Each structure stands twice: as structure tokens, then as C-alpha cells.
PDB file of N, CA and C in Angstrom:
ATOM      1  N   MET A   1     -42.219  24.532 -32.999  1.00  0.00           N
ATOM      2  CA  MET A   1     -41.125  23.819 -33.601  1.00  0.00           C
ATOM      3  C   MET A   1     -40.093  24.816 -34.097  1.00  0.00           C
ATOM      4  N   LEU A   2     -38.885  24.376 -34.108  1.00  0.00           N
ATOM      5  CA  LEU A   2     -37.798  25.235 -34.551  1.00  0.00           C
ATOM      6  C   LEU A   2     -36.865  24.431 -35.446  1.00  0.00           C
ATOM      7  N   ALA A   3     -36.653  24.922 -36.641  1.00  0.00           N
ATOM      8  CA  ALA A   3     -35.654  24.324 -37.525  1.00  0.00           C
ATOM      9  C   ALA A   3     -34.380  25.152 -37.409  1.00  0.00           C
ATOM     10  N   ASP A   4     -33.268  24.477 -37.200  1.00  0.00           N
ATOM     11  CA  ASP A   4     -31.987  25.154 -37.018  1.00  0.00           C
ATOM     12  C   ASP A   4     -30.899  24.409 -37.793  1.00  0.00           C
ATOM     13  N   PRO A   5     -31.052  24.315 -39.125  1.00  0.00           N
ATOM     14  CA  PRO A   5     -30.128  23.482 -39.894  1.00  0.00           C
ATOM     15  C   PRO A   5     -28.671  23.928 -39.834  1.00  0.00           C
ATOM     16  N   GLU A   6     -28.435  25.203 -39.599  1.00  0.00           N
ATOM     17  CA  GLU A   6     -27.059  25.693 -39.516  1.00  0.00           C
ATOM     18  C   GLU A   6     -26.510  25.639 -38.092  1.00  0.00           C
ATOM     19  N   GLY A   7     -27.367  25.371 -37.108  1.00  0.00           N
ATOM     20  CA  GLY A   7     -26.931  25.277 -35.723  1.00  0.00           C
ATOM     21  C   GLY A   7     -26.733  26.611 -35.026  1.00  0.00           C
ATOM     22  N   ASN A   8     -27.210  27.686 -35.623  1.00  0.00           N
ATOM     23  CA  ASN A   8     -27.012  29.015 -35.039  1.00  0.00           C
ATOM     24  C   ASN A   8     -27.742  29.185 -33.707  1.00  0.00           C
ATOM     25  N   VAL A   9     -28.966  28.709 -33.624  1.00  0.00           N
ATOM     26  CA  VAL A   9     -29.737  28.855 -32.381  1.00  0.00           C
ATOM     27  C   VAL A   9     -29.123  27.973 -31.287  1.00  0.00           C
ATOM     28  N   ALA A  10     -28.773  26.751 -31.653  1.00  0.00           N
ATOM     29  CA  ALA A  10     -28.138  25.851 -30.684  1.00  0.00           C
ATOM     30  C   ALA A  10     -26.870  26.479 -30.127  1.00  0.00           C
ATOM     31  N   GLU A  11     -26.078  27.055 -30.993  1.00  0.00           N
ATOM     32  CA  GLU A  11     -24.840  27.695 -30.554  1.00  0.00           C
ATOM     33  C   GLU A  11     -25.123  28.892 -29.647  1.00  0.00           C
ATOM     34  N   ALA A  12     -26.117  29.699 -30.007  1.00  0.00           N
ATOM     35  CA  ALA A  12     -26.447  30.897 -29.226  1.00  0.00           C
ATOM     36  C   ALA A  12     -26.882  30.550 -27.799  1.00  0.00           C
ATOM     37  N   PHE A  13     -27.512  29.381 -27.637  1.00  0.00           N
ATOM     38  CA  PHE A  13     -28.007  28.991 -26.319  1.00  0.00           C
ATOM     39  C   PHE A  13     -27.183  27.874 -25.689  1.00  0.00           C
ATOM     40  N   ASP A  14     -25.983  27.638 -26.238  1.00  0.00           N
ATOM     41  CA  ASP A  14     -25.075  26.611 -25.714  1.00  0.00           C
ATOM     42  C   ASP A  14     -25.727  25.240 -25.610  1.00  0.00           C
ATOM     43  N   VAL A  15     -26.509  24.880 -26.623  1.00  0.00           N
ATOM     44  CA  VAL A  15     -27.148  23.567 -26.657  1.00  0.00           C
ATOM     45  C   VAL A  15     -26.167  22.570 -27.275  1.00  0.00           C
ATOM     46  N   PRO A  16     -25.889  21.473 -26.576  1.00  0.00           N
ATOM     47  CA  PRO A  16     -24.977  20.478 -27.131  1.00  0.00           C
ATOM     48  C   PRO A  16     -25.555  19.847 -28.400  1.00  0.00           C
ATOM     49  N   VAL A  17     -24.712  19.698 -29.401  1.00  0.00           N
ATOM     50  CA  VAL A  17     -25.119  19.089 -30.663  1.00  0.00           C
ATOM     51  C   VAL A  17     -24.206  17.899 -30.922  1.00  0.00           C
ATOM     52  N   THR A  18     -24.815  16.744 -31.200  1.00  0.00           N
ATOM     53  CA  THR A  18     -24.078  15.525 -31.503  1.00  0.00           C
ATOM     54  C   THR A  18     -24.472  15.042 -32.890  1.00  0.00           C
ATOM     55  N   ASP A  19     -23.491  14.820 -33.738  1.00  0.00           N
ATOM     56  CA  ASP A  19     -23.756  14.372 -35.111  1.00  0.00           C
ATOM     57  C   ASP A  19     -24.760  15.262 -35.820  1.00  0.00           C
ATOM     58  N   GLY A  20     -24.690  16.565 -35.577  1.00  0.00           N
ATOM     59  CA  GLY A  20     -25.544  17.525 -36.260  1.00  0.00           C
ATOM     60  C   GLY A  20     -26.934  17.698 -35.684  1.00  0.00           C
ATOM     61  N   ALA A  21     -27.218  17.070 -34.547  1.00  0.00           N
ATOM     62  CA  ALA A  21     -28.557  17.178 -33.969  1.00  0.00           C
ATOM     63  C   ALA A  21     -28.477  17.405 -32.465  1.00  0.00           C
ATOM     64  N   ALA A  22     -29.389  18.220 -31.968  1.00  0.00           N
ATOM     65  CA  ALA A  22     -29.523  18.435 -30.529  1.00  0.00           C
ATOM     66  C   ALA A  22     -30.497  17.398 -29.982  1.00  0.00           C
ATOM     67  N   GLN A  23     -30.409  17.138 -28.685  1.00  0.00           N
ATOM     68  CA  GLN A  23     -31.397  16.248 -28.077  1.00  0.00           C
ATOM     69  C   GLN A  23     -32.758  16.893 -28.257  1.00  0.00           C
ATOM     70  N   ARG A  24     -33.720  16.101 -28.593  1.00  0.00           N
ATOM     71  CA  ARG A  24     -35.051  16.634 -28.878  1.00  0.00           C
ATOM     72  C   ARG A  24     -35.940  16.569 -27.641  1.00  0.00           C
ATOM     73  N   THR A  25     -36.586  17.686 -27.372  1.00  0.00           N
ATOM     74  CA  THR A  25     -37.577  17.757 -26.312  1.00  0.00           C
ATOM     75  C   THR A  25     -38.762  18.524 -26.852  1.00  0.00           C
ATOM     76  N   THR A  26     -39.959  18.002 -26.618  1.00  0.00           N
ATOM     77  CA  THR A  26     -41.179  18.672 -27.044  1.00  0.00           C
ATOM     78  C   THR A  26     -41.967  19.063 -25.804  1.00  0.00           C
ATOM     79  N   LEU A  27     -42.383  20.307 -25.752  1.00  0.00           N
ATOM     80  CA  LEU A  27     -43.269  20.782 -24.687  1.00  0.00           C
ATOM     81  C   LEU A  27     -44.626  21.086 -25.304  1.00  0.00           C
ATOM     82  N   VAL A  28     -45.684  20.644 -24.647  1.00  0.00           N
ATOM     83  CA  VAL A  28     -47.030  21.012 -25.059  1.00  0.00           C
ATOM     84  C   VAL A  28     -47.518  22.034 -24.044  1.00  0.00           C
ATOM     85  N   VAL A  29     -47.752  23.267 -24.520  1.00  0.00           N
ATOM     86  CA  VAL A  29     -48.165  24.363 -23.647  1.00  0.00           C
ATOM     87  C   VAL A  29     -49.558  24.802 -24.067  1.00  0.00           C
ATOM     88  N   VAL A  30     -50.486  24.786 -23.110  1.00  0.00           N
ATOM     89  CA  VAL A  30     -51.865  25.190 -23.371  1.00  0.00           C
ATOM     90  C   VAL A  30     -52.213  26.306 -22.398  1.00  0.00           C
ATOM     91  N   ASP A  31     -52.582  27.450 -22.936  1.00  0.00           N
ATOM     92  CA  ASP A  31     -52.947  28.607 -22.106  1.00  0.00           C
ATOM     93  C   ASP A  31     -51.887  28.923 -21.054  1.00  0.00           C
ATOM     94  N   GLY A  32     -50.618  28.826 -21.445  1.00  0.00           N
ATOM     95  CA  GLY A  32     -49.526  29.177 -20.557  1.00  0.00           C
ATOM     96  C   GLY A  32     -49.123  28.101 -19.561  1.00  0.00           C
ATOM     97  N   THR A  33     -49.758  26.927 -19.633  1.00  0.00           N
ATOM     98  CA  THR A  33     -49.443  25.830 -18.720  1.00  0.00           C
ATOM     99  C   THR A  33     -48.829  24.679 -19.498  1.00  0.00           C
ATOM    100  N   VAL A  34     -47.707  24.165 -18.999  1.00  0.00           N
ATOM    101  CA  VAL A  34     -47.092  23.003 -19.630  1.00  0.00           C
ATOM    102  C   VAL A  34     -47.955  21.791 -19.308  1.00  0.00           C
ATOM    103  N   ARG A  35     -48.516  21.182 -20.360  1.00  0.00           N
ATOM    104  CA  ARG A  35     -49.411  20.035 -20.177  1.00  0.00           C
ATOM    105  C   ARG A  35     -48.710  18.709 -20.401  1.00  0.00           C
ATOM    106  N   ALA A  36     -47.594  18.736 -21.164  1.00  0.00           N
ATOM    107  CA  ALA A  36     -46.868  17.488 -21.431  1.00  0.00           C
ATOM    108  C   ALA A  36     -45.433  17.820 -21.805  1.00  0.00           C
ATOM    109  N   ILE A  37     -44.526  16.918 -21.439  1.00  0.00           N
ATOM    110  CA  ILE A  37     -43.119  17.036 -21.801  1.00  0.00           C
ATOM    111  C   ILE A  37     -42.686  15.690 -22.374  1.00  0.00           C
ATOM    112  N   TYR A  38     -42.089  15.744 -23.554  1.00  0.00           N
ATOM    113  CA  TYR A  38     -41.546  14.557 -24.205  1.00  0.00           C
ATOM    114  C   TYR A  38     -40.044  14.799 -24.354  1.00  0.00           C
ATOM    115  N   GLU A  39     -39.235  13.988 -23.696  1.00  0.00           N
ATOM    116  CA  GLU A  39     -37.780  14.180 -23.736  1.00  0.00           C
ATOM    117  C   GLU A  39     -37.113  13.063 -24.524  1.00  0.00           C
ATOM    118  N   GLY A  40     -36.018  13.428 -25.198  1.00  0.00           N
ATOM    119  CA  GLY A  40     -35.230  12.442 -25.916  1.00  0.00           C
ATOM    120  C   GLY A  40     -35.988  11.737 -27.023  1.00  0.00           C
ATOM    121  N   VAL A  41     -36.847  12.458 -27.713  1.00  0.00           N
ATOM    122  CA  VAL A  41     -37.693  11.842 -28.734  1.00  0.00           C
ATOM    123  C   VAL A  41     -36.969  11.711 -30.061  1.00  0.00           C
ATOM    124  N   ALA A  42     -37.421  10.771 -30.854  1.00  0.00           N
ATOM    125  CA  ALA A  42     -36.933  10.601 -32.222  1.00  0.00           C
ATOM    126  C   ALA A  42     -37.986  11.181 -33.163  1.00  0.00           C
ATOM    127  N   PRO A  43     -37.573  11.790 -34.265  1.00  0.00           N
ATOM    128  CA  PRO A  43     -38.536  12.415 -35.167  1.00  0.00           C
ATOM    129  C   PRO A  43     -39.542  11.438 -35.775  1.00  0.00           C
ATOM    130  N   GLU A  44     -39.099  10.227 -36.043  1.00  0.00           N
ATOM    131  CA  GLU A  44     -39.965   9.243 -36.689  1.00  0.00           C
ATOM    132  C   GLU A  44     -41.175   8.912 -35.813  1.00  0.00           C
ATOM    133  N   GLY A  45     -42.353   9.320 -36.239  1.00  0.00           N
ATOM    134  CA  GLY A  45     -43.585   8.994 -35.539  1.00  0.00           C
ATOM    135  C   GLY A  45     -43.906   9.859 -34.337  1.00  0.00           C
ATOM    136  N   HIS A  46     -43.007  10.765 -33.969  1.00  0.00           N
ATOM    137  CA  HIS A  46     -43.228  11.560 -32.757  1.00  0.00           C
ATOM    138  C   HIS A  46     -44.455  12.457 -32.862  1.00  0.00           C
ATOM    139  N   ALA A  47     -44.621  13.119 -33.988  1.00  0.00           N
ATOM    140  CA  ALA A  47     -45.777  14.015 -34.147  1.00  0.00           C
ATOM    141  C   ALA A  47     -47.082  13.246 -33.977  1.00  0.00           C
ATOM    142  N   ARG A  48     -47.147  12.054 -34.545  1.00  0.00           N
ATOM    143  CA  ARG A  48     -48.362  11.222 -34.414  1.00  0.00           C
ATOM    144  C   ARG A  48     -48.582  10.845 -32.955  1.00  0.00           C
ATOM    145  N   ASP A  49     -47.531  10.496 -32.241  1.00  0.00           N
ATOM    146  CA  ASP A  49     -47.659  10.144 -30.826  1.00  0.00           C
ATOM    147  C   ASP A  49     -48.218  11.312 -30.020  1.00  0.00           C
ATOM    148  N   VAL A  50     -47.717  12.518 -30.290  1.00  0.00           N
ATOM    149  CA  VAL A  50     -48.189  13.698 -29.568  1.00  0.00           C
ATOM    150  C   VAL A  50     -49.659  13.957 -29.884  1.00  0.00           C
ATOM    151  N   VAL A  51     -50.037  13.899 -31.149  1.00  0.00           N
ATOM    152  CA  VAL A  51     -51.434  14.125 -31.534  1.00  0.00           C
ATOM    153  C   VAL A  51     -52.340  13.080 -30.873  1.00  0.00           C
ATOM    154  N   ASP A  52     -51.907  11.817 -30.874  1.00  0.00           N
ATOM    155  CA  ASP A  52     -52.699  10.770 -30.224  1.00  0.00           C
ATOM    156  C   ASP A  52     -52.884  11.051 -28.739  1.00  0.00           C
ATOM    157  N   ASP A  53     -51.806  11.454 -28.063  1.00  0.00           N
ATOM    158  CA  ASP A  53     -51.894  11.772 -26.637  1.00  0.00           C
ATOM    159  C   ASP A  53     -52.825  12.961 -26.399  1.00  0.00           C
ATOM    160  N   LEU A  54     -52.715  13.980 -27.232  1.00  0.00           N
ATOM    161  CA  LEU A  54     -53.570  15.162 -27.074  1.00  0.00           C
ATOM    162  C   LEU A  54     -55.031  14.807 -27.340  1.00  0.00           C
ATOM    163  N   ALA A  55     -55.273  13.921 -28.284  1.00  0.00           N
ATOM    164  CA  ALA A  55     -56.652  13.476 -28.557  1.00  0.00           C
ATOM    165  C   ALA A  55     -57.222  12.738 -27.361  1.00  0.00           C
ATOM    166  N   GLU A  56     -56.392  11.918 -26.715  1.00  0.00           N
ATOM    167  CA  GLU A  56     -56.848  11.188 -25.525  1.00  0.00           C
ATOM    168  C   GLU A  56     -57.251  12.134 -24.394  1.00  0.00           C
ATOM    169  N   THR A  57     -56.590  13.266 -24.288  1.00  0.00           N
ATOM    170  CA  THR A  57     -56.908  14.222 -23.234  1.00  0.00           C
ATOM    171  C   THR A  57     -58.026  15.170 -23.633  1.00  0.00           C
ATOM    172  N   GLY A  58     -58.431  15.113 -24.920  1.00  0.00           N
ATOM    173  CA  GLY A  58     -59.497  15.985 -25.393  1.00  0.00           C
ATOM    174  C   GLY A  58     -59.034  17.355 -25.839  1.00  0.00           C
ATOM    175  N   LEU A  59     -57.712  17.567 -25.893  1.00  0.00           N
ATOM    176  CA  LEU A  59     -57.195  18.888 -26.307  1.00  0.00           C
ATOM    177  C   LEU A  59     -57.288  19.104 -27.810  1.00  0.00           C
ATOM    178  N   VAL A  60     -57.275  18.023 -28.589  1.00  0.00           N
ATOM    179  CA  VAL A  60     -57.419  18.122 -30.046  1.00  0.00           C
ATOM    180  C   VAL A  60     -58.275  16.964 -30.533  1.00  0.00           C
ATOM    181  N   ARG A  61     -58.772  17.125 -31.737  1.00  0.00           N
ATOM    182  CA  ARG A  61     -59.475  16.018 -32.402  1.00  0.00           C
ATOM    183  C   ARG A  61     -58.567  15.518 -33.519  1.00  0.00           C
ATOM    184  N   PRO A  62     -58.322  14.206 -33.568  1.00  0.00           N
ATOM    185  CA  PRO A  62     -57.412  13.661 -34.600  1.00  0.00           C
ATOM    186  C   PRO A  62     -57.996  13.770 -36.001  1.00  0.00           C
TER     187      PRO A  62
END
């Protein structure tokens, strides 16, 4: 996760910012392999959704 409240990282990588926020994408990387991609997510409940999905695959225990 990356917090960028001042927008410095977004600016450095030319990431578009709308109303103070960049489009959210979460990558789940396990041992160097991308196991899941979540695009255009909203913060509300997203972490729980990811943990639930990872529990279903056996990668974590809830």
C-alpha cells in the first residue's frame, strides 16, 4: 500500500488524479507472481474483500 496525500508520487509517475484521488488498483503478488488484480476499487470494504478472496484460495487464514 502507498499513501500519497500530497500527490508527489502520482505526479512523479504521471498518474492521473481526479478530485484528489488516483484510480485504485490492488495487485496481490505471491513469490513474485501476480495472483490477483483488483481494478477501480473503492476503499470501503476493499481490504475485507481481498482477505476473503485470499482465504478462499488458501493463501491466508481470516
